[in-house]
Amino acid sequence: MLEGLVTGKMGKMEFKIKINELPTDIKILENKWVAFVIDAQPEQVKVTIQPKTWKKWQKAATDYPAWVAEWSIGARI
């Protein structure tokens, strides 16, 4: 089945998600990491971020009403 594939340079696939409001249904994990799920139709994406990043997002949401966060997505669930 794989015999017909061309070999050569390896590539990578990147997916980005942007949000413009903080999720309200979050879970605080060990070491205060924050986890939440985003419904990125048709898939759902589980996101886990460091506490430092979460605090920056909270400040941005307060200081800038039209803020947008962007990052590479995590594991598919």
PDB file of N, CA and C in Angstrom:
ATOM      1  N   MET A   1       0.816  -1.187   0.000  1.00  0.00           N
ATOM      2  CA  MET A   1       0.000   0.000   0.000  1.00  0.00           C
ATOM      3  C   MET A   1       0.867   1.261   0.000  1.00  0.00           C
ATOM      4  N   LEU A   2       1.973   1.256   0.722  1.00  0.00           N
ATOM      5  CA  LEU A   2       2.827   2.430   0.801  1.00  0.00           C
ATOM      6  C   LEU A   2       3.844   2.497  -0.334  1.00  0.00           C
ATOM      7  N   GLU A   3       3.919   1.463  -1.172  1.00  0.00           N
ATOM      8  CA  GLU A   3       4.921   1.422  -2.228  1.00  0.00           C
ATOM      9  C   GLU A   3       4.786   2.575  -3.213  1.00  0.00           C
ATOM     10  N   GLY A   4       3.592   3.063  -3.419  1.00  0.00           N
ATOM     11  CA  GLY A   4       3.353   4.114  -4.395  1.00  0.00           C
ATOM     12  C   GLY A   4       3.638   5.520  -3.891  1.00  0.00           C
ATOM     13  N   LEU A   5       3.940   5.659  -2.617  1.00  0.00           N
ATOM     14  CA  LEU A   5       4.191   6.987  -2.073  1.00  0.00           C
ATOM     15  C   LEU A   5       5.581   7.480  -2.448  1.00  0.00           C
ATOM     16  N   VAL A   6       5.694   8.760  -2.672  1.00  0.00           N
ATOM     17  CA  VAL A   6       6.977   9.370  -2.985  1.00  0.00           C
ATOM     18  C   VAL A   6       7.713   9.623  -1.675  1.00  0.00           C
ATOM     19  N   THR A   7       8.980   9.263  -1.650  1.00  0.00           N
ATOM     20  CA  THR A   7       9.768   9.531  -0.451  1.00  0.00           C
ATOM     21  C   THR A   7      10.624  10.757  -0.687  1.00  0.00           C
ATOM     22  N   GLY A   8      11.043  11.379   0.347  1.00  0.00           N
ATOM     23  CA  GLY A   8      11.867  12.575   0.216  1.00  0.00           C
ATOM     24  C   GLY A   8      11.768  13.416   1.459  1.00  0.00           C
ATOM     25  N   LYS A   9      11.647  14.707   1.260  1.00  0.00           N
ATOM     26  CA  LYS A   9      11.615  15.632   2.394  1.00  0.00           C
ATOM     27  C   LYS A   9      10.403  15.387   3.277  1.00  0.00           C
ATOM     28  N   MET A  10      10.658  15.514   4.552  1.00  0.00           N
ATOM     29  CA  MET A  10       9.565  15.421   5.510  1.00  0.00           C
ATOM     30  C   MET A  10       8.922  16.797   5.636  1.00  0.00           C
ATOM     31  N   GLY A  11       7.659  16.811   5.836  1.00  0.00           N
ATOM     32  CA  GLY A  11       6.943  18.066   6.025  1.00  0.00           C
ATOM     33  C   GLY A  11       6.248  18.055   7.369  1.00  0.00           C
ATOM     34  N   LYS A  12       5.548  19.105   7.650  1.00  0.00           N
ATOM     35  CA  LYS A  12       4.761  19.129   8.870  1.00  0.00           C
ATOM     36  C   LYS A  12       3.444  19.831   8.599  1.00  0.00           C
ATOM     37  N   MET A  13       2.460  19.455   9.368  1.00  0.00           N
ATOM     38  CA  MET A  13       1.142  20.035   9.236  1.00  0.00           C
ATOM     39  C   MET A  13       0.868  20.833  10.506  1.00  0.00           C
ATOM     40  N   GLU A  14       0.433  22.054  10.345  1.00  0.00           N
ATOM     41  CA  GLU A  14       0.116  22.889  11.492  1.00  0.00           C
ATOM     42  C   GLU A  14      -1.345  23.307  11.437  1.00  0.00           C
ATOM     43  N   PHE A  15      -1.962  23.307  12.588  1.00  0.00           N
ATOM     44  CA  PHE A  15      -3.323  23.789  12.729  1.00  0.00           C
ATOM     45  C   PHE A  15      -3.301  24.892  13.769  1.00  0.00           C
ATOM     46  N   LYS A  16      -4.033  25.943  13.520  1.00  0.00           N
ATOM     47  CA  LYS A  16      -4.112  27.054  14.467  1.00  0.00           C
ATOM     48  C   LYS A  16      -5.568  27.267  14.859  1.00  0.00           C
ATOM     49  N   ILE A  17      -5.761  27.619  16.110  1.00  0.00           N
ATOM     50  CA  ILE A  17      -7.088  27.982  16.596  1.00  0.00           C
ATOM     51  C   ILE A  17      -6.991  29.376  17.180  1.00  0.00           C
ATOM     52  N   LYS A  18      -7.990  30.191  16.896  1.00  0.00           N
ATOM     53  CA  LYS A  18      -8.072  31.530  17.470  1.00  0.00           C
ATOM     54  C   LYS A  18      -9.345  31.609  18.292  1.00  0.00           C
ATOM     55  N   ILE A  19      -9.235  32.233  19.458  1.00  0.00           N
ATOM     56  CA  ILE A  19     -10.425  32.471  20.273  1.00  0.00           C
ATOM     57  C   ILE A  19     -10.478  33.951  20.625  1.00  0.00           C
ATOM     58  N   ASN A  20     -11.683  34.455  20.823  1.00  0.00           N
ATOM     59  CA  ASN A  20     -11.809  35.867  21.187  1.00  0.00           C
ATOM     60  C   ASN A  20     -12.552  36.063  22.507  1.00  0.00           C
ATOM     61  N   GLU A  21     -12.742  34.982  23.246  1.00  0.00           N
ATOM     62  CA  GLU A  21     -13.285  35.085  24.599  1.00  0.00           C
ATOM     63  C   GLU A  21     -12.763  33.908  25.411  1.00  0.00           C
ATOM     64  N   LEU A  22     -12.600  34.137  26.694  1.00  0.00           N
ATOM     65  CA  LEU A  22     -12.090  33.079  27.557  1.00  0.00           C
ATOM     66  C   LEU A  22     -13.137  31.991  27.754  1.00  0.00           C
ATOM     67  N   PRO A  23     -12.711  30.737  27.765  1.00  0.00           N
ATOM     68  CA  PRO A  23     -13.649  29.661  28.074  1.00  0.00           C
ATOM     69  C   PRO A  23     -14.057  29.744  29.544  1.00  0.00           C
ATOM     70  N   THR A  24     -15.278  29.371  29.832  1.00  0.00           N
ATOM     71  CA  THR A  24     -15.760  29.420  31.216  1.00  0.00           C
ATOM     72  C   THR A  24     -15.720  28.056  31.887  1.00  0.00           C
ATOM     73  N   ASP A  25     -15.761  26.999  31.094  1.00  0.00           N
ATOM     74  CA  ASP A  25     -15.745  25.643  31.637  1.00  0.00           C
ATOM     75  C   ASP A  25     -14.300  25.139  31.630  1.00  0.00           C
ATOM     76  N   ILE A  26     -13.538  25.509  32.659  1.00  0.00           N
ATOM     77  CA  ILE A  26     -12.131  25.126  32.721  1.00  0.00           C
ATOM     78  C   ILE A  26     -11.900  24.150  33.864  1.00  0.00           C
ATOM     79  N   LYS A  27     -10.779  23.451  33.789  1.00  0.00           N
ATOM     80  CA  LYS A  27     -10.388  22.540  34.857  1.00  0.00           C
ATOM     81  C   LYS A  27      -8.954  22.889  35.242  1.00  0.00           C
ATOM     82  N   ILE A  28      -8.712  23.067  36.531  1.00  0.00           N
ATOM     83  CA  ILE A  28      -7.369  23.341  37.025  1.00  0.00           C
ATOM     84  C   ILE A  28      -6.703  21.996  37.323  1.00  0.00           C
ATOM     85  N   LEU A  29      -5.574  21.752  36.678  1.00  0.00           N
ATOM     86  CA  LEU A  29      -4.849  20.498  36.828  1.00  0.00           C
ATOM     87  C   LEU A  29      -3.726  20.662  37.852  1.00  0.00           C
ATOM     88  N   GLU A  30      -2.948  19.594  38.020  1.00  0.00           N
ATOM     89  CA  GLU A  30      -1.818  19.697  38.943  1.00  0.00           C
ATOM     90  C   GLU A  30      -0.838  20.753  38.431  1.00  0.00           C
ATOM     91  N   ASN A  31      -0.127  21.357  39.331  1.00  0.00           N
ATOM     92  CA  ASN A  31       0.787  22.466  39.032  1.00  0.00           C
ATOM     93  C   ASN A  31       0.056  23.678  38.465  1.00  0.00           C
ATOM     94  N   LYS A  32      -1.264  23.747  38.687  1.00  0.00           N
ATOM     95  CA  LYS A  32      -2.116  24.883  38.295  1.00  0.00           C
ATOM     96  C   LYS A  32      -2.252  25.082  36.784  1.00  0.00           C
ATOM     97  N   TRP A  33      -1.927  24.071  35.986  1.00  0.00           N
ATOM     98  CA  TRP A  33      -2.170  24.159  34.547  1.00  0.00           C
ATOM     99  C   TRP A  33      -3.678  24.212  34.330  1.00  0.00           C
ATOM    100  N   VAL A  34      -4.101  24.854  33.247  1.00  0.00           N
ATOM    101  CA  VAL A  34      -5.523  25.040  32.952  1.00  0.00           C
ATOM    102  C   VAL A  34      -5.880  24.232  31.703  1.00  0.00           C
ATOM    103  N   ALA A  35      -6.959  23.455  31.789  1.00  0.00           N
ATOM    104  CA  ALA A  35      -7.417  22.646  30.656  1.00  0.00           C
ATOM    105  C   ALA A  35      -8.857  23.023  30.322  1.00  0.00           C
ATOM    106  N   PHE A  36      -9.162  23.014  29.020  1.00  0.00           N
ATOM    107  CA  PHE A  36     -10.525  23.266  28.567  1.00  0.00           C
ATOM    108  C   PHE A  36     -10.684  22.667  27.176  1.00  0.00           C
ATOM    109  N   VAL A  37     -11.923  22.563  26.728  1.00  0.00           N
ATOM    110  CA  VAL A  37     -12.231  21.996  25.413  1.00  0.00           C
ATOM    111  C   VAL A  37     -12.868  23.082  24.561  1.00  0.00           C
ATOM    112  N   ILE A  38     -12.403  23.174  23.320  1.00  0.00           N
ATOM    113  CA  ILE A  38     -12.971  24.121  22.359  1.00  0.00           C
ATOM    114  C   ILE A  38     -13.707  23.325  21.294  1.00  0.00           C
ATOM    115  N   ASP A  39     -14.913  23.745  20.989  1.00  0.00           N
ATOM    116  CA  ASP A  39     -15.697  23.115  19.929  1.00  0.00           C
ATOM    117  C   ASP A  39     -15.312  23.780  18.612  1.00  0.00           C
ATOM    118  N   ALA A  40     -14.387  23.152  17.876  1.00  0.00           N
ATOM    119  CA  ALA A  40     -13.897  23.685  16.599  1.00  0.00           C
ATOM    120  C   ALA A  40     -14.533  22.859  15.486  1.00  0.00           C
ATOM    121  N   GLN A  41     -15.799  23.014  15.295  1.00  0.00           N
ATOM    122  CA  GLN A  41     -16.618  22.229  14.371  1.00  0.00           C
ATOM    123  C   GLN A  41     -15.833  21.716  13.172  1.00  0.00           C
ATOM    124  N   PRO A  42     -15.853  20.455  12.858  1.00  0.00           N
ATOM    125  CA  PRO A  42     -16.642  19.392  13.478  1.00  0.00           C
ATOM    126  C   PRO A  42     -15.899  18.681  14.611  1.00  0.00           C
ATOM    127  N   GLU A  43     -14.698  19.098  14.942  1.00  0.00           N
ATOM    128  CA  GLU A  43     -13.901  18.440  15.974  1.00  0.00           C
ATOM    129  C   GLU A  43     -13.953  19.209  17.286  1.00  0.00           C
ATOM    130  N   GLN A  44     -13.602  18.521  18.348  1.00  0.00           N
ATOM    131  CA  GLN A  44     -13.392  19.175  19.633  1.00  0.00           C
ATOM    132  C   GLN A  44     -11.909  19.076  19.951  1.00  0.00           C
ATOM    133  N   VAL A  45     -11.356  20.146  20.485  1.00  0.00           N
ATOM    134  CA  VAL A  45      -9.930  20.207  20.763  1.00  0.00           C
ATOM    135  C   VAL A  45      -9.729  20.452  22.251  1.00  0.00           C
ATOM    136  N   LYS A  46      -8.952  19.575  22.876  1.00  0.00           N
ATOM    137  CA  LYS A  46      -8.616  19.764  24.283  1.00  0.00           C
ATOM    138  C   LYS A  46      -7.349  20.602  24.348  1.00  0.00           C
ATOM    139  N   VAL A  47      -7.399  21.674  25.129  1.00  0.00           N
ATOM    140  CA  VAL A  47      -6.279  22.597  25.255  1.00  0.00           C
ATOM    141  C   VAL A  47      -5.797  22.573  26.699  1.00  0.00           C
ATOM    142  N   THR A  48      -4.490  22.487  26.880  1.00  0.00           N
ATOM    143  CA  THR A  48      -3.883  22.572  28.202  1.00  0.00           C
ATOM    144  C   THR A  48      -2.805  23.638  28.136  1.00  0.00           C
ATOM    145  N   ILE A  49      -2.904  24.642  29.008  1.00  0.00           N
ATOM    146  CA  ILE A  49      -1.939  25.738  28.982  1.00  0.00           C
ATOM    147  C   ILE A  49      -1.349  25.974  30.367  1.00  0.00           C
ATOM    148  N   GLN A  50      -0.194  26.592  30.363  1.00  0.00           N
ATOM    149  CA  GLN A  50       0.499  26.902  31.609  1.00  0.00           C
ATOM    150  C   GLN A  50      -0.236  28.005  32.363  1.00  0.00           C
ATOM    151  N   PRO A  51      -0.083  28.038  33.683  1.00  0.00           N
ATOM    152  CA  PRO A  51      -0.746  29.076  34.477  1.00  0.00           C
ATOM    153  C   PRO A  51      -0.330  30.491  34.067  1.00  0.00           C
ATOM    154  N   LYS A  52       0.916  30.669  33.688  1.00  0.00           N
ATOM    155  CA  LYS A  52       1.400  31.991  33.272  1.00  0.00           C
ATOM    156  C   LYS A  52       0.637  32.475  32.034  1.00  0.00           C
ATOM    157  N   THR A  53       0.423  31.578  31.083  1.00  0.00           N
ATOM    158  CA  THR A  53      -0.326  31.918  29.872  1.00  0.00           C
ATOM    159  C   THR A  53      -1.776  32.248  30.211  1.00  0.00           C
ATOM    160  N   TRP A  54      -2.392  31.458  31.082  1.00  0.00           N
ATOM    161  CA  TRP A  54      -3.784  31.702  31.481  1.00  0.00           C
ATOM    162  C   TRP A  54      -3.929  33.086  32.110  1.00  0.00           C
ATOM    163  N   LYS A  55      -2.986  33.457  32.970  1.00  0.00           N
ATOM    164  CA  LYS A  55      -3.037  34.780  33.608  1.00  0.00           C
ATOM    165  C   LYS A  55      -2.910  35.895  32.571  1.00  0.00           C
ATOM    166  N   LYS A  56      -2.054  35.698  31.571  1.00  0.00           N
ATOM    167  CA  LYS A  56      -1.909  36.695  30.498  1.00  0.00           C
ATOM    168  C   LYS A  56      -3.214  36.825  29.721  1.00  0.00           C
ATOM    169  N   TRP A  57      -3.861  35.695  29.441  1.00  0.00           N
ATOM    170  CA  TRP A  57      -5.133  35.723  28.717  1.00  0.00           C
ATOM    171  C   TRP A  57      -6.198  36.436  29.539  1.00  0.00           C
ATOM    172  N   GLN A  58      -6.234  36.186  30.848  1.00  0.00           N
ATOM    173  CA  GLN A  58      -7.219  36.851  31.703  1.00  0.00           C
ATOM    174  C   GLN A  58      -7.004  38.363  31.691  1.00  0.00           C
ATOM    175  N   LYS A  59      -5.763  38.788  31.771  1.00  0.00           N
ATOM    176  CA  LYS A  59      -5.457  40.219  31.747  1.00  0.00           C
ATOM    177  C   LYS A  59      -5.829  40.824  30.396  1.00  0.00           C
ATOM    178  N   ALA A  60      -5.487  40.121  29.313  1.00  0.00           N
ATOM    179  CA  ALA A  60      -5.807  40.618  27.971  1.00  0.00           C
ATOM    180  C   ALA A  60      -7.318  40.748  27.780  1.00  0.00           C
ATOM    181  N   ALA A  61      -8.077  39.778  28.278  1.00  0.00           N
ATOM    182  CA  ALA A  61      -9.540  39.820  28.137  1.00  0.00           C
ATOM    183  C   ALA A  61     -10.129  41.017  28.874  1.00  0.00           C
ATOM    184  N   THR A  62      -9.503  41.410  29.978  1.00  0.00           N
ATOM    185  CA  THR A  62      -9.967  42.568  30.745  1.00  0.00           C
ATOM    186  C   THR A  62      -9.529  43.878  30.096  1.00  0.00           C
ATOM    187  N   ASP A  63      -8.266  43.938  29.692  1.00  0.00           N
ATOM    188  CA  ASP A  63      -7.689  45.185  29.167  1.00  0.00           C
ATOM    189  C   ASP A  63      -8.086  45.497  27.726  1.00  0.00           C
ATOM    190  N   TYR A  64      -8.301  44.454  26.932  1.00  0.00           N
ATOM    191  CA  TYR A  64      -8.571  44.639  25.500  1.00  0.00           C
ATOM    192  C   TYR A  64      -9.825  43.865  25.112  1.00  0.00           C
ATOM    193  N   PRO A  65     -10.963  44.535  24.963  1.00  0.00           N
ATOM    194  CA  PRO A  65     -12.217  43.837  24.668  1.00  0.00           C
ATOM    195  C   PRO A  65     -12.191  43.046  23.359  1.00  0.00           C
ATOM    196  N   ALA A  66     -11.374  43.434  22.403  1.00  0.00           N
ATOM    197  CA  ALA A  66     -11.342  42.750  21.105  1.00  0.00           C
ATOM    198  C   ALA A  66     -10.101  41.867  20.967  1.00  0.00           C
ATOM    199  N   TRP A  67      -9.617  41.315  22.068  1.00  0.00           N
ATOM    200  CA  TRP A  67      -8.409  40.495  22.026  1.00  0.00           C
ATOM    201  C   TRP A  67      -8.657  39.173  21.311  1.00  0.00           C
ATOM    202  N   VAL A  68      -7.592  38.591  20.801  1.00  0.00           N
ATOM    203  CA  VAL A  68      -7.646  37.274  20.159  1.00  0.00           C
ATOM    204  C   VAL A  68      -6.421  36.486  20.591  1.00  0.00           C
ATOM    205  N   ALA A  69      -6.618  35.243  20.999  1.00  0.00           N
ATOM    206  CA  ALA A  69      -5.505  34.351  21.312  1.00  0.00           C
ATOM    207  C   ALA A  69      -5.351  33.370  20.160  1.00  0.00           C
ATOM    208  N   GLU A  70      -4.111  33.045  19.827  1.00  0.00           N
ATOM    209  CA  GLU A  70      -3.836  32.109  18.738  1.00  0.00           C
ATOM    210  C   GLU A  70      -2.729  31.167  19.177  1.00  0.00           C
ATOM    211  N   TRP A  71      -2.876  29.887  18.859  1.00  0.00           N
ATOM    212  CA  TRP A  71      -1.845  28.902  19.184  1.00  0.00           C
ATOM    213  C   TRP A  71      -2.055  27.668  18.340  1.00  0.00           C
ATOM    214  N   SER A  72      -1.035  26.808  18.327  1.00  0.00           N
ATOM    215  CA  SER A  72      -1.152  25.525  17.641  1.00  0.00           C
ATOM    216  C   SER A  72      -1.979  24.601  18.520  1.00  0.00           C
ATOM    217  N   ILE A  73      -2.829  23.812  17.903  1.00  0.00           N
ATOM    218  CA  ILE A  73      -3.767  23.004  18.678  1.00  0.00           C
ATOM    219  C   ILE A  73      -3.102  21.786  19.289  1.00  0.00           C
ATOM    220  N   GLY A  74      -3.771  21.244  20.299  1.00  0.00           N
ATOM    221  CA  GLY A  74      -3.281  20.072  21.009  1.00  0.00           C
ATOM    222  C   GLY A  74      -3.865  18.789  20.445  1.00  0.00           C
ATOM    223  N   ALA A  75      -4.018  17.823  21.312  1.00  0.00           N
ATOM    224  CA  ALA A  75      -4.450  16.490  20.903  1.00  0.00           C
ATOM    225  C   ALA A  75      -5.922  16.471  20.507  1.00  0.00           C
ATOM    226  N   ARG A  76      -6.233  15.695  19.475  1.00  0.00           N
ATOM    227  CA  ARG A  76      -7.615  15.505  19.039  1.00  0.00           C
ATOM    228  C   ARG A  76      -8.297  14.562  20.014  1.00  0.00           C
ATOM    229  N   ILE A  77      -9.543  14.879  20.388  1.00  0.00           N
ATOM    230  CA  ILE A  77     -10.260  13.995  21.311  1.00  0.00           C
ATOM    231  C   ILE A  77     -11.540  13.513  20.683  1.00  0.00           C
TER     232      ILE A  77
END
